[in-house]
Amino acid sequence: MRDSEDMVVSSAATKNMTGADTTAVTVTTTEAAAMVGVSQRTIRRWIQRGYLPAESDPDGYRVSPTDLLAAKDAATGGQDR
């Protein structure tokens, strides 16, 4: 596993509701799993169940790190397992 400093992230420039440019940072399901201490399969399950928004990528899914804690809370009912 790579250190968090070595993680490769993708960013996509988008516009928010005011028209200002924003940059959305995404990580792979493997990197997301390492960030919250669960398996990659669990991350994919959260995506399938609608707990974690994701973008499809030719190599799999990419998710926003900012969505991870909310997805974990939704999946576990607010109780850390």
Protein backbone atom coordinates (compact mmCIF):
# COMPACT_ATOMS: atom_id res chain seq x y z
CA MET A 1 0.00 0.00 0.00
CA ARG A 2 1.21 3.48 -0.81
CA ASP A 3 1.57 6.31 1.69
CA SER A 4 -1.15 8.94 1.45
CA GLU A 5 1.48 11.37 0.16
CA ASP A 6 2.04 9.11 -2.83
CA MET A 7 -1.62 8.67 -3.73
CA VAL A 8 -2.49 9.59 -7.26
CA VAL A 9 -5.59 11.71 -7.42
CA SER A 10 -7.54 12.92 -10.37
CA SER A 11 -9.07 16.33 -10.51
CA ALA A 12 -11.76 17.59 -12.81
CA ALA A 13 -12.51 21.25 -13.27
CA THR A 14 -16.19 22.02 -12.93
CA LYS A 15 -18.35 25.08 -12.37
CA ASN A 16 -20.44 25.53 -9.25
CA MET A 17 -23.89 27.16 -9.18
CA THR A 18 -22.38 30.65 -9.19
CA GLY A 19 -20.32 29.84 -12.28
CA ALA A 20 -17.01 29.84 -10.42
CA ASP A 21 -14.50 27.16 -11.32
CA THR A 22 -14.01 24.44 -8.74
CA THR A 23 -11.73 21.44 -8.72
CA ALA A 24 -13.12 18.08 -7.70
CA VAL A 25 -10.50 15.65 -6.40
CA THR A 26 -11.26 11.96 -6.74
CA VAL A 27 -9.50 8.77 -5.69
CA THR A 28 -9.74 5.13 -6.73
CA THR A 29 -11.76 2.63 -4.73
CA THR A 30 -8.51 1.11 -3.46
CA GLU A 31 -7.29 4.48 -2.20
CA ALA A 32 -10.71 5.27 -0.71
CA ALA A 33 -10.73 1.95 1.15
CA ALA A 34 -7.33 2.70 2.68
CA MET A 35 -8.48 6.16 3.76
CA VAL A 36 -11.40 4.86 5.85
CA GLY A 37 -10.01 1.48 6.87
CA VAL A 38 -12.33 -0.82 4.94
CA SER A 39 -11.89 -3.21 2.02
CA GLN A 40 -12.17 -2.23 -1.63
CA ARG A 41 -15.18 -4.58 -1.84
CA THR A 42 -16.89 -2.56 0.90
CA ILE A 43 -16.33 0.67 -1.05
CA ARG A 44 -17.87 -0.94 -4.16
CA ARG A 45 -20.80 -2.15 -2.04
CA TRP A 46 -21.38 1.38 -0.70
CA ILE A 47 -21.43 2.65 -4.29
CA GLN A 48 -23.90 -0.05 -5.37
CA ARG A 49 -26.20 0.68 -2.40
CA GLY A 50 -26.15 4.43 -3.03
CA TYR A 51 -24.22 5.40 0.10
CA LEU A 52 -21.24 6.71 -1.88
CA PRO A 53 -21.51 8.77 -5.07
CA ALA A 54 -19.01 7.68 -7.72
CA GLU A 55 -17.94 8.38 -11.25
CA SER A 56 -17.29 5.55 -13.67
CA ASP A 57 -13.77 5.44 -15.04
CA PRO A 58 -12.23 3.07 -17.62
CA ASP A 59 -10.28 1.53 -14.72
CA GLY A 60 -13.27 1.28 -12.33
CA TYR A 61 -14.86 3.87 -10.08
CA ARG A 62 -13.53 7.11 -8.64
CA VAL A 63 -14.95 8.75 -5.53
CA SER A 64 -14.52 12.02 -3.70
CA PRO A 65 -12.67 11.73 -0.39
CA THR A 66 -15.07 14.28 1.09
CA ASP A 67 -17.94 11.79 0.67
CA LEU A 68 -16.24 8.90 2.48
CA LEU A 69 -17.12 9.64 6.11
CA ALA A 70 -20.78 10.31 5.32
CA ALA A 71 -20.92 7.05 3.34
CA LYS A 72 -19.35 5.14 6.23
CA ASP A 73 -21.87 6.64 8.67
CA ALA A 74 -24.78 5.80 6.34
CA ALA A 75 -23.55 2.25 5.80
CA THR A 76 -22.95 1.52 9.49
CA GLY A 77 -25.87 3.45 10.91
CA GLY A 78 -23.47 5.88 12.54
CA GLN A 79 -21.68 3.12 14.46
CA ASP A 80 -18.06 2.43 13.61
CA ARG A 81 -17.52 -1.29 13.17
